Amino acid sequence: MELPLVVGVDGSDGSLTALDWAVDEAARHGLPLRLVYASKWEHYEAAIPSDSLERPSERVLAEHVVASAAERARRRNPDTKVTAEVVPEEAAATLLREGRNASLLVTGSRGRGELAGLLLGSVGLAVAARAYGPVVVVRGDKAGIEATHERIVLGAGESATSVEAVRFAFREAEVRRCTLDVVRAWRCPAHEGADHPKLAESTAHYHEERASALLDSLLEEAVADHPGVRVRRSTVEGPARKVLLARSAAADLLIVGAQRRTGHVGLQLGRVAHTLLHHSVCPVAVVPQQA
């Protein structure tokens, strides 16, 4: 049985944008779509007498949001199977649990009730940093969100964090029939050859060659499995977060890996992914690699 694509909805502009993106993504992959609204109305429902005709306003709102979101999804793509549910729990915990039975978990960049100054809402950050499976945070400009560039970017990290991300990226490029840019950023440590120009040049060449070799190793199996995918490889000198942010301006999706350590309960998100989730110009996929 195919696992559904799960999207968190809450009625905010960000969640509606994420919903539209999720409908299109579910249609690309032929997956059912599950809409989830996490609400805490049950915490104060007990204060209302059982014979009262009054219903908690939060519960009414939640049911309206879910019904409206489901109707919006069906209008956008009538062929996609849509189910929806109000879950009386906290949002991040609900989405993390739902993600264990999902092919992909999708959330907006900022939800209802988030502080306006936050570039990425607390729910989106918690989900991206702790989810068991792939998460997409839908953010960025109109061109990226609407997939007009026909290009996705994979930020290639170390092998320990990138195997699942590579597989995800190739599947995505194949179903979208778009170009896959695989980028490996590298840096030459400042202390290596600082006083000797020729030594510095040789050291830089070494680090660039090492980055290229890592790409060859990471991509070999995926290239063989997906011969129809157009792949562009590049090694770029500079901080990975800056290199990938620049590439996001011409991408429909930016993909990075993240390592998950068993038994670790805190946020498991590196500096690069954290920066991209807050500043990318297109949607960001975080694909965990289980330790």
Protein backbone atom coordinates (compact mmCIF):
# COMPACT_ATOMS: atom_id res chain seq x y z
CA MET A 1 0.00 0.00 0.00
CA GLU A 2 1.33 3.42 -0.95
CA LEU A 3 1.89 5.77 1.95
CA PRO A 4 0.07 9.11 1.62
CA LEU A 5 1.60 12.52 1.30
CA VAL A 6 0.71 14.34 4.54
CA VAL A 7 0.31 18.11 4.76
CA GLY A 8 -0.35 20.17 7.86
CA VAL A 9 -3.12 22.78 7.46
CA ASP A 10 -4.25 25.53 9.81
CA GLY A 11 -5.97 28.11 7.63
CA SER A 12 -3.00 30.48 7.41
CA ASP A 13 -1.69 31.82 4.10
CA GLY A 14 1.46 29.76 4.54
CA SER A 15 -0.47 26.53 5.01
CA LEU A 16 -2.67 27.22 1.98
CA THR A 17 0.44 27.69 -0.15
CA ALA A 18 1.82 24.43 1.28
CA LEU A 19 -1.50 22.71 0.55
CA ASP A 20 -1.46 23.75 -3.11
CA TRP A 21 2.15 22.59 -3.43
CA ALA A 22 1.28 19.27 -1.75
CA VAL A 23 -1.67 18.66 -4.11
CA ASP A 24 0.60 19.12 -7.12
CA GLU A 25 3.27 16.89 -5.59
CA ALA A 26 0.78 14.13 -4.76
CA ALA A 27 -0.51 14.26 -8.33
CA ARG A 28 3.02 13.97 -9.75
CA HIS A 29 3.65 10.80 -7.77
CA GLY A 30 0.12 9.38 -7.93
CA LEU A 31 -0.19 9.40 -4.14
CA PRO A 32 -3.20 9.96 -1.91
CA LEU A 33 -3.19 13.21 0.08
CA ARG A 34 -3.91 13.40 3.80
CA LEU A 35 -4.70 16.77 5.40
CA VAL A 36 -4.11 17.15 9.13
CA TYR A 37 -5.14 19.97 11.45
CA ALA A 38 -3.71 19.71 14.95
CA SER A 39 -5.99 21.44 17.46
CA LYS A 40 -6.07 21.59 21.24
CA TRP A 41 -9.81 22.24 21.63
CA GLU A 42 -10.28 19.14 23.81
CA HIS A 43 -8.36 20.82 26.66
CA TYR A 44 -11.20 23.21 27.42
CA GLU A 45 -14.17 21.29 26.00
CA ALA A 46 -14.61 19.64 29.41
CA ALA A 47 -15.56 23.01 30.90
CA ILE A 48 -18.74 23.10 28.79
CA PRO A 49 -21.77 21.20 30.19
CA SER A 50 -22.65 18.11 28.20
CA ASP A 51 -26.17 19.39 27.52
CA SER A 52 -24.94 22.76 26.25
CA LEU A 53 -25.59 23.67 22.62
CA GLU A 54 -22.45 25.77 22.57
CA ARG A 55 -19.40 24.23 20.89
CA PRO A 56 -15.82 25.32 21.47
CA SER A 57 -14.89 28.00 18.97
CA GLU A 58 -11.51 26.36 18.32
CA ARG A 59 -13.20 23.10 17.39
CA VAL A 60 -15.61 24.88 15.04
CA LEU A 61 -12.69 26.72 13.47
CA ALA A 62 -10.69 23.52 13.07
CA GLU A 63 -13.54 21.70 11.36
CA HIS A 64 -14.12 24.64 9.04
CA VAL A 65 -10.41 24.90 8.17
CA VAL A 66 -10.17 21.20 7.34
CA ALA A 67 -13.36 21.16 5.28
CA SER A 68 -12.27 24.25 3.33
CA ALA A 69 -8.77 22.83 2.76
CA ALA A 70 -10.16 19.51 1.51
CA GLU A 71 -12.47 21.32 -0.91
CA ARG A 72 -9.58 23.48 -2.12
CA ALA A 73 -7.46 20.38 -2.74
CA ARG A 74 -10.24 18.64 -4.69
CA ARG A 75 -10.81 21.70 -6.84
CA ARG A 76 -7.10 21.92 -7.62
CA ASN A 77 -6.88 18.28 -8.68
CA PRO A 78 -10.11 16.23 -8.73
CA ASP A 79 -8.18 13.02 -9.47
CA THR A 80 -6.18 13.09 -6.23
CA LYS A 81 -7.72 11.11 -3.38
CA VAL A 82 -8.05 13.44 -0.40
CA THR A 83 -8.74 12.59 3.24
CA ALA A 84 -8.72 15.03 6.17
CA GLU A 85 -8.75 14.88 9.94
CA VAL A 86 -8.74 17.17 12.97
CA VAL A 87 -6.35 15.76 15.57
CA PRO A 88 -6.80 17.16 19.10
CA GLU A 89 -3.10 17.47 19.89
CA GLU A 90 -0.15 19.84 19.61
CA ALA A 91 0.88 20.56 16.02
CA ALA A 92 4.55 19.52 15.92
CA ALA A 93 3.98 16.26 17.82
CA THR A 94 1.04 15.39 15.57
CA LEU A 95 2.95 15.99 12.34
CA LEU A 96 5.99 14.07 13.59
CA ARG A 97 3.79 11.07 14.37
CA GLU A 98 1.93 11.35 11.06
CA GLY A 99 5.26 11.50 9.24
CA ARG A 100 6.09 7.95 10.30
CA ASN A 101 3.32 6.71 8.02
CA ALA A 102 3.82 9.14 5.18
CA SER A 103 5.81 9.13 1.96
CA LEU A 104 6.42 12.84 2.47
CA LEU A 105 5.50 15.41 5.12
CA VAL A 106 4.73 18.95 3.93
CA THR A 107 4.37 22.11 6.00
CA GLY A 108 4.24 25.84 5.39
CA SER A 109 7.02 28.19 6.36
CA ARG A 110 4.96 29.90 9.04
CA GLY A 111 1.57 28.97 10.44
CA ARG A 112 -1.34 30.66 12.15
CA GLY A 113 -0.32 32.16 15.46
CA GLU A 114 3.41 32.28 14.72
CA LEU A 115 5.27 35.46 15.58
CA ALA A 116 5.51 37.74 12.56
CA GLY A 117 9.26 38.21 13.05
CA LEU A 118 10.05 34.53 12.62
CA LEU A 119 11.33 33.58 9.19
CA LEU A 120 10.36 29.96 9.84
CA GLY A 121 7.68 29.01 12.35
CA SER A 122 8.50 26.88 15.36
CA VAL A 123 6.33 24.00 14.09
CA GLY A 124 8.05 23.88 10.71
CA LEU A 125 11.48 23.98 12.32
CA ALA A 126 10.67 21.24 14.84
CA VAL A 127 9.23 18.98 12.17
CA ALA A 128 12.12 19.48 9.74
CA ALA A 129 14.66 18.89 12.51
CA ARG A 130 13.12 15.76 14.02
CA ALA A 131 11.01 13.95 11.42
CA TYR A 132 11.72 10.30 10.67
CA GLY A 133 11.10 10.70 6.92
CA PRO A 134 11.44 13.41 4.28
CA VAL A 135 9.98 16.84 5.01
CA VAL A 136 9.33 19.72 2.63
CA VAL A 137 8.94 23.23 4.00
CA VAL A 138 7.17 25.27 1.34
CA ARG A 139 8.67 28.73 1.18
CA GLY A 140 10.25 31.11 -1.32
CA ASP A 141 9.11 33.18 -4.26
CA LYS A 142 6.27 32.47 -6.69
CA ALA A 143 8.54 31.11 -9.42
CA GLY A 144 10.09 28.51 -7.15
CA ILE A 145 6.85 27.47 -5.47
CA GLU A 146 5.08 27.08 -8.82
CA ALA A 147 7.99 25.06 -10.26
CA THR A 148 8.69 27.27 -13.26
CA HIS A 149 12.49 26.79 -13.29
CA GLU A 150 12.34 23.08 -14.22
CA ARG A 151 15.39 22.51 -12.05
CA ILE A 152 15.99 21.07 -8.60
CA VAL A 153 19.18 21.35 -6.56
CA LEU A 154 20.74 18.74 -4.31
CA GLY A 155 23.28 19.94 -1.78
CA ALA A 156 25.65 16.99 -1.50
CA GLY A 157 26.98 16.53 2.01
CA GLU A 158 29.10 13.75 3.43
CA SER A 159 28.14 10.16 2.66
CA ALA A 160 26.82 9.64 6.18
CA THR A 161 24.11 12.25 5.65
CA SER A 162 23.42 12.15 1.91
CA VAL A 163 22.55 8.65 0.66
CA GLU A 164 18.79 8.97 1.23
CA ALA A 165 18.85 12.57 0.00
CA VAL A 166 20.44 11.43 -3.27
CA ARG A 167 17.74 8.78 -3.78
CA PHE A 168 15.02 11.30 -3.02
CA ALA A 169 16.50 13.86 -5.43
CA PHE A 170 16.74 11.44 -8.35
CA ARG A 171 13.17 10.20 -7.85
CA GLU A 172 11.98 13.79 -7.74
CA ALA A 173 13.90 14.82 -10.85
CA GLU A 174 12.65 11.78 -12.70
CA VAL A 175 8.97 12.36 -11.96
CA ARG A 176 9.27 16.09 -12.71
CA ARG A 177 11.35 15.44 -15.86
CA CYS A 178 13.63 18.28 -14.89
CA THR A 179 17.35 18.91 -14.53
CA LEU A 180 19.04 17.85 -11.31
CA ASP A 181 21.89 20.10 -10.17
CA VAL A 182 24.12 18.34 -7.66
CA VAL A 183 26.37 20.77 -5.83
CA ARG A 184 29.26 20.04 -3.51
CA ALA A 185 30.73 23.08 -1.77
CA TRP A 186 34.31 22.87 -0.58
CA ARG A 187 36.67 25.11 1.33
CA CYS A 188 40.43 25.29 1.68
CA PRO A 189 41.35 25.76 5.35
CA ALA A 190 42.96 29.17 5.88
CA HIS A 191 46.06 27.74 7.57
CA GLU A 192 46.95 25.45 4.65
CA GLY A 193 49.55 27.11 2.48
CA ALA A 194 48.74 30.61 3.68
CA ASP A 195 52.36 31.77 3.32
CA HIS A 196 53.16 29.87 0.12
CA PRO A 197 51.09 30.70 -3.00
CA LYS A 198 52.12 27.56 -4.88
CA LEU A 199 51.36 25.37 -1.91
CA ALA A 200 48.01 27.11 -1.49
CA GLU A 201 47.17 26.43 -5.15
CA SER A 202 48.10 22.79 -4.74
CA THR A 203 46.04 22.51 -1.56
CA ALA A 204 43.00 24.07 -3.22
CA HIS A 205 43.32 21.60 -6.08
CA TYR A 206 43.42 18.75 -3.56
CA HIS A 207 40.19 19.87 -1.85
CA GLU A 208 38.41 20.39 -5.17
CA GLU A 209 39.45 16.93 -6.37
CA ARG A 210 38.27 15.44 -3.09
CA ALA A 211 34.88 17.12 -3.53
CA SER A 212 34.61 15.79 -7.08
CA ALA A 213 35.50 12.26 -5.94
CA LEU A 214 32.82 12.43 -3.25
CA LEU A 215 30.23 13.37 -5.91
CA ASP A 216 31.30 10.44 -8.09
CA SER A 217 30.94 8.05 -5.18
CA LEU A 218 27.56 9.42 -4.05
CA LEU A 219 25.98 9.50 -7.49
CA GLU A 220 27.26 6.33 -9.13
CA GLU A 221 24.41 4.03 -8.09
CA ALA A 222 21.63 6.61 -8.55
CA VAL A 223 22.85 7.57 -12.04
CA ALA A 224 22.74 3.91 -13.06
CA ASP A 225 19.24 3.47 -11.60
CA HIS A 226 17.86 6.63 -13.23
CA PRO A 227 19.52 6.92 -16.67
CA GLY A 228 16.88 9.36 -17.92
CA VAL A 229 17.65 12.04 -15.35
CA ARG A 230 19.70 14.99 -16.62
CA VAL A 231 22.41 15.56 -14.01
CA ARG A 232 24.72 18.54 -13.72
CA ARG A 233 27.53 18.15 -11.20
CA SER A 234 29.49 21.05 -9.81
CA THR A 235 32.04 21.65 -7.09
CA VAL A 236 32.09 25.20 -5.78
CA GLU A 237 34.51 26.85 -3.39
CA GLY A 238 32.78 28.59 -0.51
CA PRO A 239 30.52 28.04 2.52
CA ALA A 240 27.83 25.49 1.63
CA ARG A 241 24.97 27.57 3.04
CA LYS A 242 25.90 30.57 0.87
CA VAL A 243 26.49 28.48 -2.25
CA LEU A 244 23.15 26.71 -1.92
CA LEU A 245 21.22 29.85 -1.07
CA ALA A 246 22.46 31.41 -4.29
CA ARG A 247 21.37 28.31 -6.25
CA SER A 248 17.91 28.38 -4.66
CA ALA A 249 17.03 31.51 -6.66
CA ALA A 250 16.81 29.42 -9.84
CA ALA A 251 15.41 26.19 -8.39
CA ASP A 252 11.99 24.65 -7.79
CA LEU A 253 13.22 22.54 -4.87
CA LEU A 254 16.39 22.50 -2.78
CA ILE A 255 17.25 19.16 -1.17
CA VAL A 256 19.63 18.50 1.71
CA GLY A 257 20.30 15.53 3.94
CA ALA A 258 20.24 15.37 7.73
CA GLN A 259 21.52 12.73 10.10
CA ARG A 260 19.21 11.22 12.72
CA ARG A 261 20.78 9.71 15.81
CA THR A 262 18.80 7.05 17.65
CA GLY A 263 17.70 8.15 21.10
CA HIS A 264 18.52 11.83 20.52
CA VAL A 265 15.44 13.90 21.42
CA GLY A 266 16.67 17.38 20.49
CA LEU A 267 16.69 19.16 17.15
CA GLN A 268 18.91 17.32 14.65
CA LEU A 269 19.59 19.90 12.00
CA GLY A 270 22.92 21.18 10.77
CA ARG A 271 23.85 24.81 10.17
CA VAL A 272 23.39 24.52 6.40
CA ALA A 273 19.85 23.10 6.57
CA HIS A 274 18.91 25.58 9.31
CA THR A 275 20.00 28.51 7.14
CA LEU A 276 18.20 27.21 4.04
CA LEU A 277 14.94 26.66 5.92
CA HIS A 278 14.98 30.30 6.99
CA HIS A 279 16.23 31.99 3.83
CA SER A 280 15.83 29.80 0.73
CA VAL A 281 14.10 31.32 -2.30
CA CYS A 282 12.38 27.99 -3.09
CA PRO A 283 10.84 25.08 -1.15
CA VAL A 284 13.34 23.05 0.91
CA ALA A 285 13.35 19.28 1.37
CA VAL A 286 15.17 17.85 4.39
CA VAL A 287 15.79 14.12 3.94
CA PRO A 288 16.96 12.30 7.08
CA GLN A 289 19.59 9.60 7.10
CA GLN A 290 19.05 7.18 9.96
CA ALA A 291 22.23 6.45 11.87
